[in-house]
All heavy atoms as atom14 arrays in JSON, in Angstrom:
{
  "sequence": "FSSGTTNYADSVKGRFTISRDNAKKKVSLQMSSLKPEDTAVYYCNA",
  "atom14_mask": [
    [1, 1, 1, 1, 1, 1, 1, 1, 1, 1, 1, 0, 0, 0],
    [1, 1, 1, 1, 1, 1, 0, 0, 0, 0, 0, 0, 0, 0],
    [1, 1, 1, 1, 1, 1, 0, 0, 0, 0, 0, 0, 0, 0],
    [1, 1, 1, 1, 0, 0, 0, 0, 0, 0, 0, 0, 0, 0],
    [1, 1, 1, 1, 1, 1, 1, 0, 0, 0, 0, 0, 0, 0],
    [1, 1, 1, 1, 1, 1, 1, 0, 0, 0, 0, 0, 0, 0],
    [1, 1, 1, 1, 1, 1, 1, 1, 0, 0, 0, 0, 0, 0],
    [1, 1, 1, 1, 1, 1, 1, 1, 1, 1, 1, 1, 0, 0],
    [1, 1, 1, 1, 1, 0, 0, 0, 0, 0, 0, 0, 0, 0],
    [1, 1, 1, 1, 1, 1, 1, 1, 0, 0, 0, 0, 0, 0],
    [1, 1, 1, 1, 1, 1, 0, 0, 0, 0, 0, 0, 0, 0],
    [1, 1, 1, 1, 1, 1, 1, 0, 0, 0, 0, 0, 0, 0],
    [1, 1, 1, 1, 1, 1, 1, 1, 1, 0, 0, 0, 0, 0],
    [1, 1, 1, 1, 0, 0, 0, 0, 0, 0, 0, 0, 0, 0],
    [1, 1, 1, 1, 1, 1, 1, 1, 1, 1, 1, 0, 0, 0],
    [1, 1, 1, 1, 1, 1, 1, 1, 1, 1, 1, 0, 0, 0],
    [1, 1, 1, 1, 1, 1, 1, 0, 0, 0, 0, 0, 0, 0],
    [1, 1, 1, 1, 1, 1, 1, 1, 0, 0, 0, 0, 0, 0],
    [1, 1, 1, 1, 1, 1, 0, 0, 0, 0, 0, 0, 0, 0],
    [1, 1, 1, 1, 1, 1, 1, 1, 1, 1, 1, 0, 0, 0],
    [1, 1, 1, 1, 1, 1, 1, 1, 0, 0, 0, 0, 0, 0],
    [1, 1, 1, 1, 1, 1, 1, 1, 0, 0, 0, 0, 0, 0],
    [1, 1, 1, 1, 1, 0, 0, 0, 0, 0, 0, 0, 0, 0],
    [1, 1, 1, 1, 1, 1, 1, 1, 1, 0, 0, 0, 0, 0],
    [1, 1, 1, 1, 1, 1, 1, 1, 1, 0, 0, 0, 0, 0],
    [1, 1, 1, 1, 1, 1, 1, 1, 1, 0, 0, 0, 0, 0],
    [1, 1, 1, 1, 1, 1, 1, 0, 0, 0, 0, 0, 0, 0],
    [1, 1, 1, 1, 1, 1, 0, 0, 0, 0, 0, 0, 0, 0],
    [1, 1, 1, 1, 1, 1, 1, 1, 0, 0, 0, 0, 0, 0],
    [1, 1, 1, 1, 1, 1, 1, 1, 1, 0, 0, 0, 0, 0],
    [1, 1, 1, 1, 1, 1, 1, 1, 0, 0, 0, 0, 0, 0],
    [1, 1, 1, 1, 1, 1, 0, 0, 0, 0, 0, 0, 0, 0],
    [1, 1, 1, 1, 1, 1, 0, 0, 0, 0, 0, 0, 0, 0],
    [1, 1, 1, 1, 1, 1, 1, 1, 0, 0, 0, 0, 0, 0],
    [1, 1, 1, 1, 1, 1, 1, 1, 1, 0, 0, 0, 0, 0],
    [1, 1, 1, 1, 1, 1, 1, 0, 0, 0, 0, 0, 0, 0],
    [1, 1, 1, 1, 1, 1, 1, 1, 1, 0, 0, 0, 0, 0],
    [1, 1, 1, 1, 1, 1, 1, 1, 0, 0, 0, 0, 0, 0],
    [1, 1, 1, 1, 1, 1, 1, 0, 0, 0, 0, 0, 0, 0],
    [1, 1, 1, 1, 1, 0, 0, 0, 0, 0, 0, 0, 0, 0],
    [1, 1, 1, 1, 1, 1, 1, 0, 0, 0, 0, 0, 0, 0],
    [1, 1, 1, 1, 1, 1, 1, 1, 1, 1, 1, 1, 0, 0],
    [1, 1, 1, 1, 1, 1, 1, 1, 1, 1, 1, 1, 0, 0],
    [1, 1, 1, 1, 1, 1, 0, 0, 0, 0, 0, 0, 0, 0],
    [1, 1, 1, 1, 1, 1, 1, 1, 0, 0, 0, 0, 0, 0],
    [1, 1, 1, 1, 1, 0, 0, 0, 0, 0, 0, 0, 0, 0]
  ],
  "atom14_positions": [
    [[8.54, -5.12, -3.14], [9.96, -5.44, -3.14], [10.68, -4.62, -4.21], [10.05, -4.05, -5.09], [10.14, -6.94, -3.37], [9.57, -7.77, -2.26], [8.23, -8.15, -2.26], [10.37, -8.17, -1.2], [7.7, -8.9, -1.23], [9.84, -8.92, -0.15], [8.51, -9.28, -0.17], [0.0, 0.0, 0.0], [0.0, 0.0, 0.0], [0.0, 0.0, 0.0]],
    [[12.0, -4.61, -4.12], [12.79, -3.83, -5.07], [12.58, -4.32, -6.5], [12.77, -3.56, -7.45], [14.28, -3.89, -4.71], [14.71, -5.24, -4.64], [0.0, 0.0, 0.0], [0.0, 0.0, 0.0], [0.0, 0.0, 0.0], [0.0, 0.0, 0.0], [0.0, 0.0, 0.0], [0.0, 0.0, 0.0], [0.0, 0.0, 0.0], [0.0, 0.0, 0.0]],
    [[12.16, -5.57, -6.65], [11.88, -6.13, -7.98], [10.58, -5.6, -8.55], [10.3, -5.75, -9.75], [11.81, -7.65, -7.89], [10.71, -8.03, -7.06], [0.0, 0.0, 0.0], [0.0, 0.0, 0.0], [0.0, 0.0, 0.0], [0.0, 0.0, 0.0], [0.0, 0.0, 0.0], [0.0, 0.0, 0.0], [0.0, 0.0, 0.0], [0.0, 0.0, 0.0]],
    [[9.75, -5.03, -7.68], [8.44, -4.57, -8.09], [7.31, -5.51, -7.7], [6.13, -5.17, -7.85], [0.0, 0.0, 0.0], [0.0, 0.0, 0.0], [0.0, 0.0, 0.0], [0.0, 0.0, 0.0], [0.0, 0.0, 0.0], [0.0, 0.0, 0.0], [0.0, 0.0, 0.0], [0.0, 0.0, 0.0], [0.0, 0.0, 0.0], [0.0, 0.0, 0.0]],
    [[7.67, -6.68, -7.2], [6.65, -7.63, -6.74], [5.88, -7.04, -5.57], [6.47, -6.42, -4.68], [7.32, -8.93, -6.3], [8.01, -9.51, -7.42], [6.29, -9.92, -5.78], [0.0, 0.0, 0.0], [0.0, 0.0, 0.0], [0.0, 0.0, 0.0], [0.0, 0.0, 0.0], [0.0, 0.0, 0.0], [0.0, 0.0, 0.0], [0.0, 0.0, 0.0]],
    [[4.57, -7.25, -5.58], [3.71, -6.72, -4.52], [2.86, -7.83, -3.9], [2.55, -8.84, -4.56], [2.77, -5.63, -5.06], [1.98, -6.18, -6.11], [3.56, -4.44, -5.59], [0.0, 0.0, 0.0], [0.0, 0.0, 0.0], [0.0, 0.0, 0.0], [0.0, 0.0, 0.0], [0.0, 0.0, 0.0], [0.0, 0.0, 0.0], [0.0, 0.0, 0.0]],
    [[2.49, -7.61, -2.67], [1.55, -8.49, -1.98], [0.6, -7.62, -1.16], [1.01, -6.59, -0.62], [2.27, -9.47, -1.07], [2.85, -10.64, -1.84], [2.18, -11.29, -2.62], [4.13, -10.9, -1.62], [0.0, 0.0, 0.0], [0.0, 0.0, 0.0], [0.0, 0.0, 0.0], [0.0, 0.0, 0.0], [0.0, 0.0, 0.0], [0.0, 0.0, 0.0]],
    [[-0.65, -8.08, -1.06], [-1.66, -7.34, -0.34], [-2.42, -8.23, 0.63], [-2.6, -9.43, 0.4], [-2.69, -6.74, -1.32], [-2.12, -5.73, -2.28], [-1.62, -6.12, -3.52], [-2.1, -4.38, -1.96], [-1.11, -5.2, -4.41], [-1.58, -3.44, -2.84], [-1.08, -3.86, -4.06], [-0.57, -2.93, -4.94], [0.0, 0.0, 0.0], [0.0, 0.0, 0.0]],
    [[-2.9, -7.61, 1.7], [-3.82, -8.31, 2.58], [-5.11, -8.56, 1.82], [-5.52, -7.74, 0.99], [-4.1, -7.47, 3.82], [0.0, 0.0, 0.0], [0.0, 0.0, 0.0], [0.0, 0.0, 0.0], [0.0, 0.0, 0.0], [0.0, 0.0, 0.0], [0.0, 0.0, 0.0], [0.0, 0.0, 0.0], [0.0, 0.0, 0.0], [0.0, 0.0, 0.0]],
    [[-5.76, -9.68, 2.11], [-7.0, -10.01, 1.4], [-8.04, -8.91, 1.54], [-8.82, -8.66, 0.62], [-7.56, -11.33, 1.93], [-6.74, -12.53, 1.49], [-5.97, -12.4, 0.52], [-6.88, -13.59, 2.12], [0.0, 0.0, 0.0], [0.0, 0.0, 0.0], [0.0, 0.0, 0.0], [0.0, 0.0, 0.0], [0.0, 0.0, 0.0], [0.0, 0.0, 0.0]],
    [[-8.05, -8.26, 2.68], [-9.08, -7.26, 2.97], [-8.94, -6.01, 2.11], [-9.9, -5.22, 2.02], [-9.03, -6.86, 4.45], [-7.76, -6.35, 4.79], [0.0, 0.0, 0.0], [0.0, 0.0, 0.0], [0.0, 0.0, 0.0], [0.0, 0.0, 0.0], [0.0, 0.0, 0.0], [0.0, 0.0, 0.0], [0.0, 0.0, 0.0], [0.0, 0.0, 0.0]],
    [[-7.79, -5.81, 1.46], [-7.61, -4.58, 0.67], [-7.36, -4.87, -0.81], [-7.26, -3.92, -1.61], [-6.45, -3.73, 1.22], [-6.66, -3.43, 2.7], [-5.1, -4.37, 0.98], [0.0, 0.0, 0.0], [0.0, 0.0, 0.0], [0.0, 0.0, 0.0], [0.0, 0.0, 0.0], [0.0, 0.0, 0.0], [0.0, 0.0, 0.0], [0.0, 0.0, 0.0]],
    [[-7.28, -6.13, -1.18], [-7.04, -6.46, -2.59], [-8.12, -5.86, -3.48], [-9.3, -5.94, -3.18], [-7.0, -7.98, -2.76], [-5.7, -8.62, -2.31], [-5.74, -10.13, -2.54], [-4.44, -10.77, -2.06], [-4.48, -12.25, -2.21], [0.0, 0.0, 0.0], [0.0, 0.0, 0.0], [0.0, 0.0, 0.0], [0.0, 0.0, 0.0], [0.0, 0.0, 0.0]],
    [[-7.66, -5.26, -4.57], [-8.59, -4.64, -5.51], [-8.98, -3.22, -5.14], [-9.59, -2.51, -5.95], [0.0, 0.0, 0.0], [0.0, 0.0, 0.0], [0.0, 0.0, 0.0], [0.0, 0.0, 0.0], [0.0, 0.0, 0.0], [0.0, 0.0, 0.0], [0.0, 0.0, 0.0], [0.0, 0.0, 0.0], [0.0, 0.0, 0.0], [0.0, 0.0, 0.0]],
    [[-8.63, -2.79, -3.93], [-8.97, -1.43, -3.5], [-7.73, -0.58, -3.26], [-7.76, 0.64, -3.47], [-9.8, -1.48, -2.22], [-11.1, -2.23, -2.34], [-11.98, -2.05, -1.09], [-11.33, -2.58, 0.11], [-11.06, -1.85, 1.18], [-11.35, -0.57, 1.22], [-10.48, -2.41, 2.25], [0.0, 0.0, 0.0], [0.0, 0.0, 0.0], [0.0, 0.0, 0.0]],
    [[-6.66, -1.2, -2.79], [-5.43, -0.48, -2.47], [-4.34, -0.83, -3.49], [-4.27, -1.97, -3.97], [-4.92, -0.85, -1.09], [-5.76, -0.35, 0.06], [-7.02, 0.18, -0.13], [-5.25, -0.41, 1.35], [-7.78, 0.64, 0.93], [-6.0, 0.05, 2.43], [-7.26, 0.56, 2.21], [0.0, 0.0, 0.0], [0.0, 0.0, 0.0], [0.0, 0.0, 0.0]],
    [[-3.49, 0.15, -3.79], [-2.37, -0.08, -4.69], [-1.11, 0.54, -4.1], [-1.09, 1.72, -3.77], [-2.62, 0.55, -6.07], [-3.82, -0.01, -6.64], [-1.45, 0.26, -7.01], [0.0, 0.0, 0.0], [0.0, 0.0, 0.0], [0.0, 0.0, 0.0], [0.0, 0.0, 0.0], [0.0, 0.0, 0.0], [0.0, 0.0, 0.0], [0.0, 0.0, 0.0]],
    [[-0.08, -0.29, -3.96], [1.2, 0.2, -3.46], [2.15, 0.42, -4.63], [2.16, -0.37, -5.59], [1.81, -0.79, -2.43], [3.03, -0.18, -1.75], [2.14, -2.13, -3.07], [3.53, -1.0, -0.55], [0.0, 0.0, 0.0], [0.0, 0.0, 0.0], [0.0, 0.0, 0.0], [0.0, 0.0, 0.0], [0.0, 0.0, 0.0], [0.0, 0.0, 0.0]],
    [[2.9, 1.52, -4.57], [3.86, 1.82, -5.61], [5.13, 2.38, -4.96], [5.09, 2.86, -3.83], [3.29, 2.81, -6.62], [2.91, 4.01, -5.98], [0.0, 0.0, 0.0], [0.0, 0.0, 0.0], [0.0, 0.0, 0.0], [0.0, 0.0, 0.0], [0.0, 0.0, 0.0], [0.0, 0.0, 0.0], [0.0, 0.0, 0.0], [0.0, 0.0, 0.0]],
    [[6.21, 2.36, -5.73], [7.49, 2.7, -5.13], [8.39, 3.43, -6.13], [8.4, 3.1, -7.32], [8.16, 1.42, -4.65], [9.54, 1.56, -4.07], [10.01, 0.21, -3.53], [11.42, 0.24, -3.18], [12.07, -0.79, -2.64], [11.44, -1.92, -2.4], [13.35, -0.69, -2.35], [0.0, 0.0, 0.0], [0.0, 0.0, 0.0], [0.0, 0.0, 0.0]],
    [[9.14, 4.38, -5.62], [10.2, 5.05, -6.37], [11.5, 4.64, -5.73], [11.9, 5.2, -4.7], [9.98, 6.56, -6.33], [11.03, 7.31, -7.15], [12.13, 6.77, -7.38], [10.74, 8.45, -7.56], [0.0, 0.0, 0.0], [0.0, 0.0, 0.0], [0.0, 0.0, 0.0], [0.0, 0.0, 0.0], [0.0, 0.0, 0.0], [0.0, 0.0, 0.0]],
    [[12.16, 3.64, -6.29], [13.37, 3.1, -5.66], [14.47, 4.15, -5.49], [15.14, 4.21, -4.47], [13.91, 1.92, -6.48], [13.05, 0.69, -6.34], [12.35, 0.51, -5.35], [13.08, -0.16, -7.34], [0.0, 0.0, 0.0], [0.0, 0.0, 0.0], [0.0, 0.0, 0.0], [0.0, 0.0, 0.0], [0.0, 0.0, 0.0], [0.0, 0.0, 0.0]],
    [[14.64, 4.97, -6.52], [15.72, 5.94, -6.49], [15.55, 6.95, -5.37], [16.52, 7.41, -4.78], [15.82, 6.65, -7.83], [0.0, 0.0, 0.0], [0.0, 0.0, 0.0], [0.0, 0.0, 0.0], [0.0, 0.0, 0.0], [0.0, 0.0, 0.0], [0.0, 0.0, 0.0], [0.0, 0.0, 0.0], [0.0, 0.0, 0.0], [0.0, 0.0, 0.0]],
    [[14.31, 7.27, -5.07], [14.05, 8.29, -4.06], [13.64, 7.71, -2.72], [13.27, 8.45, -1.81], [12.97, 9.25, -4.57], [13.38, 10.01, -5.82], [12.29, 10.96, -6.27], [12.72, 11.73, -7.52], [11.66, 12.68, -7.97], [0.0, 0.0, 0.0], [0.0, 0.0, 0.0], [0.0, 0.0, 0.0], [0.0, 0.0, 0.0], [0.0, 0.0, 0.0]],
    [[13.67, 6.38, -2.59], [13.28, 5.73, -1.34], [11.89, 6.18, -0.89], [11.68, 6.52, 0.28], [14.32, 5.99, -0.25], [15.64, 5.29, -0.51], [16.62, 5.51, 0.62], [17.81, 4.59, 0.56], [18.52, 4.55, -0.71], [0.0, 0.0, 0.0], [0.0, 0.0, 0.0], [0.0, 0.0, 0.0], [0.0, 0.0, 0.0], [0.0, 0.0, 0.0]],
    [[10.97, 6.22, -1.83], [9.61, 6.61, -1.53], [8.65, 5.48, -1.87], [8.85, 4.74, -2.84], [9.22, 7.85, -2.33], [9.95, 9.12, -1.93], [9.46, 10.3, -2.75], [10.11, 11.6, -2.3], [9.63, 12.76, -3.09], [0.0, 0.0, 0.0], [0.0, 0.0, 0.0], [0.0, 0.0, 0.0], [0.0, 0.0, 0.0], [0.0, 0.0, 0.0]],
    [[7.59, 5.38, -1.07], [6.53, 4.43, -1.35], [5.19, 5.12, -1.1], [5.08, 5.96, -0.22], [6.67, 3.16, -0.48], [6.48, 3.47, 0.99], [5.72, 2.08, -0.94], [0.0, 0.0, 0.0], [0.0, 0.0, 0.0], [0.0, 0.0, 0.0], [0.0, 0.0, 0.0], [0.0, 0.0, 0.0], [0.0, 0.0, 0.0], [0.0, 0.0, 0.0]],
    [[4.21, 4.77, -1.91], [2.88, 5.35, -1.77], [1.84, 4.24, -1.66], [2.06, 3.12, -2.12], [2.55, 6.23, -2.98], [3.43, 7.33, -3.07], [0.0, 0.0, 0.0], [0.0, 0.0, 0.0], [0.0, 0.0, 0.0], [0.0, 0.0, 0.0], [0.0, 0.0, 0.0], [0.0, 0.0, 0.0], [0.0, 0.0, 0.0], [0.0, 0.0, 0.0]],
    [[0.73, 4.58, -1.06], [-0.39, 3.66, -0.95], [-1.64, 4.4, -1.4], [-2.1, 5.3, -0.71], [-0.56, 3.14, 0.48], [-1.63, 2.07, 0.66], [-1.18, 0.77, -0.02], [-1.91, 1.82, 2.14], [0.0, 0.0, 0.0], [0.0, 0.0, 0.0], [0.0, 0.0, 0.0], [0.0, 0.0, 0.0], [0.0, 0.0, 0.0], [0.0, 0.0, 0.0]],
    [[-2.16, 4.03, -2.55], [-3.39, 4.61, -3.05], [-4.54, 3.76, -2.55], [-4.62, 2.56, -2.86], [-3.39, 4.64, -4.58], [-4.65, 5.21, -5.18], [-4.85, 6.68, -4.86], [-3.91, 7.47, -4.95], [-6.06, 7.05, -4.49], [0.0, 0.0, 0.0], [0.0, 0.0, 0.0], [0.0, 0.0, 0.0], [0.0, 0.0, 0.0], [0.0, 0.0, 0.0]],
    [[-5.42, 4.38, -1.78], [-6.53, 3.66, -1.17], [-7.84, 4.15, -1.77], [-8.12, 5.36, -1.74], [-6.53, 3.88, 0.34], [-5.22, 3.5, 1.0], [-5.25, 3.66, 2.8], [-5.39, 5.44, 2.95], [0.0, 0.0, 0.0], [0.0, 0.0, 0.0], [0.0, 0.0, 0.0], [0.0, 0.0, 0.0], [0.0, 0.0, 0.0], [0.0, 0.0, 0.0]],
    [[-8.62, 3.23, -2.31], [-9.89, 3.57, -2.93], [-11.02, 2.78, -2.27], [-10.77, 1.78, -1.6], [-9.84, 3.26, -4.43], [-8.81, 3.96, -5.06], [0.0, 0.0, 0.0], [0.0, 0.0, 0.0], [0.0, 0.0, 0.0], [0.0, 0.0, 0.0], [0.0, 0.0, 0.0], [0.0, 0.0, 0.0], [0.0, 0.0, 0.0], [0.0, 0.0, 0.0]],
    [[-12.23, 3.24, -2.51], [-13.41, 2.56, -1.95], [-13.22, 2.28, -0.47], [-13.44, 1.16, 0.01], [-13.68, 1.25, -2.71], [-13.86, 1.49, -4.08], [0.0, 0.0, 0.0], [0.0, 0.0, 0.0], [0.0, 0.0, 0.0], [0.0, 0.0, 0.0], [0.0, 0.0, 0.0], [0.0, 0.0, 0.0], [0.0, 0.0, 0.0], [0.0, 0.0, 0.0]],
    [[-12.82, 3.29, 0.25], [-12.51, 3.12, 1.67], [-13.75, 2.75, 2.48], [-14.87, 3.2, 2.18], [-11.86, 4.38, 2.23], [-10.39, 4.53, 1.84], [-9.92, 5.97, 2.01], [-9.52, 3.59, 2.68], [0.0, 0.0, 0.0], [0.0, 0.0, 0.0], [0.0, 0.0, 0.0], [0.0, 0.0, 0.0], [0.0, 0.0, 0.0], [0.0, 0.0, 0.0]],
    [[-13.52, 1.92, 3.49], [-14.58, 1.44, 4.35], [-14.29, 1.86, 5.8], [-13.13, 2.07, 6.16], [-14.65, -0.09, 4.29], [-14.82, -0.65, 2.89], [-14.76, -2.17, 2.92], [-14.91, -2.77, 1.53], [-14.83, -4.25, 1.55], [0.0, 0.0, 0.0], [0.0, 0.0, 0.0], [0.0, 0.0, 0.0], [0.0, 0.0, 0.0], [0.0, 0.0, 0.0]],
    [[-15.31, 1.92, 6.63], [-15.06, 2.26, 8.05], [-14.05, 1.33, 8.7], [-13.27, 1.76, 9.56], [-16.45, 2.12, 8.68], [-17.39, 2.45, 7.57], [-16.75, 1.86, 6.34], [0.0, 0.0, 0.0], [0.0, 0.0, 0.0], [0.0, 0.0, 0.0], [0.0, 0.0, 0.0], [0.0, 0.0, 0.0], [0.0, 0.0, 0.0], [0.0, 0.0, 0.0]],
    [[-14.02, 0.08, 8.29], [-13.07, -0.87, 8.88], [-11.63, -0.64, 8.45], [-10.72, -1.29, 8.95], [-13.47, -2.32, 8.57], [-13.76, -2.6, 7.11], [-15.25, -2.53, 6.78], [-15.93, -1.59, 7.26], [-15.72, -3.4, 6.02], [0.0, 0.0, 0.0], [0.0, 0.0, 0.0], [0.0, 0.0, 0.0], [0.0, 0.0, 0.0], [0.0, 0.0, 0.0]],
    [[-11.41, 0.29, 7.53], [-10.05, 0.68, 7.16], [-9.48, 1.71, 8.13], [-8.29, 2.08, 8.05], [-10.0, 1.26, 5.75], [-10.34, 0.23, 4.68], [-9.86, -0.91, 4.78], [-11.1, 0.58, 3.75], [0.0, 0.0, 0.0], [0.0, 0.0, 0.0], [0.0, 0.0, 0.0], [0.0, 0.0, 0.0], [0.0, 0.0, 0.0], [0.0, 0.0, 0.0]],
    [[-10.31, 2.18, 9.03], [-9.86, 3.16, 10.01], [-8.76, 2.58, 10.89], [-8.92, 1.51, 11.49], [-11.03, 3.61, 10.9], [-11.98, 4.31, 10.09], [-10.56, 4.53, 12.02], [0.0, 0.0, 0.0], [0.0, 0.0, 0.0], [0.0, 0.0, 0.0], [0.0, 0.0, 0.0], [0.0, 0.0, 0.0], [0.0, 0.0, 0.0], [0.0, 0.0, 0.0]],
    [[-7.63, 3.28, 10.94], [-6.47, 2.79, 11.69], [-5.35, 3.81, 11.59], [-5.44, 4.77, 10.81], [-5.99, 1.45, 11.13], [0.0, 0.0, 0.0], [0.0, 0.0, 0.0], [0.0, 0.0, 0.0], [0.0, 0.0, 0.0], [0.0, 0.0, 0.0], [0.0, 0.0, 0.0], [0.0, 0.0, 0.0], [0.0, 0.0, 0.0], [0.0, 0.0, 0.0]],
    [[-4.32, 3.57, 12.37], [-3.06, 4.29, 12.18], [-2.24, 3.47, 11.18], [-2.04, 2.27, 11.39], [-2.3, 4.47, 13.49], [-0.96, 5.19, 13.22], [-3.12, 5.27, 14.49], [0.0, 0.0, 0.0], [0.0, 0.0, 0.0], [0.0, 0.0, 0.0], [0.0, 0.0, 0.0], [0.0, 0.0, 0.0], [0.0, 0.0, 0.0], [0.0, 0.0, 0.0]],
    [[-1.79, 4.12, 10.14], [-1.03, 3.45, 9.1], [0.45, 3.76, 9.26], [0.84, 4.93, 9.4], [-1.52, 3.89, 7.71], [-2.82, 3.24, 7.33], [-4.0, 3.58, 7.97], [-2.87, 2.27, 6.34], [-5.21, 2.98, 7.64], [-4.07, 1.66, 5.99], [-5.23, 2.02, 6.65], [-6.42, 1.41, 6.32], [0.0, 0.0, 0.0], [0.0, 0.0, 0.0]],
    [[1.25, 2.71, 9.26], [2.7, 2.83, 9.46], [3.45, 2.37, 8.22], [3.12, 1.35, 7.62], [3.14, 1.96, 10.63], [2.56, 2.35, 11.97], [1.37, 1.78, 12.41], [3.2, 3.27, 12.79], [0.83, 2.13, 13.64], [2.67, 3.62, 14.02], [1.49, 3.05, 14.44], [0.96, 3.39, 15.66], [0.0, 0.0, 0.0], [0.0, 0.0, 0.0]],
    [[4.48, 3.12, 7.9], [5.38, 2.74, 6.82], [6.58, 2.02, 7.42], [7.1, 2.42, 8.47], [5.83, 3.98, 6.06], [6.97, 3.66, 4.71], [0.0, 0.0, 0.0], [0.0, 0.0, 0.0], [0.0, 0.0, 0.0], [0.0, 0.0, 0.0], [0.0, 0.0, 0.0], [0.0, 0.0, 0.0], [0.0, 0.0, 0.0], [0.0, 0.0, 0.0]],
    [[7.02, 0.97, 6.74], [8.19, 0.21, 7.17], [9.15, 0.03, 6.01], [8.73, -0.28, 4.9], [7.75, -1.15, 7.71], [8.93, -2.04, 8.05], [9.29, -2.95, 7.3], [9.55, -1.77, 9.18], [0.0, 0.0, 0.0], [0.0, 0.0, 0.0], [0.0, 0.0, 0.0], [0.0, 0.0, 0.0], [0.0, 0.0, 0.0], [0.0, 0.0, 0.0]],
    [[10.42, 0.23, 6.29], [11.45, 0.02, 5.28], [12.47, -0.97, 5.81], [12.97, -0.8, 6.94], [12.13, 1.34, 4.93], [0.0, 0.0, 0.0], [0.0, 0.0, 0.0], [0.0, 0.0, 0.0], [0.0, 0.0, 0.0], [0.0, 0.0, 0.0], [0.0, 0.0, 0.0], [0.0, 0.0, 0.0], [0.0, 0.0, 0.0], [0.0, 0.0, 0.0]]
  ]
}
């Protein structure tokens, strides 16, 4: 959220980190310790 509050799916907690640059309307998702079950098409939503 614009406040900086974040929420994660249980399946990615501790492995994924979302961050945001409000001024530039950018968001990133750092994914670590990836597993085969993370395979998917990833969509960004604003």
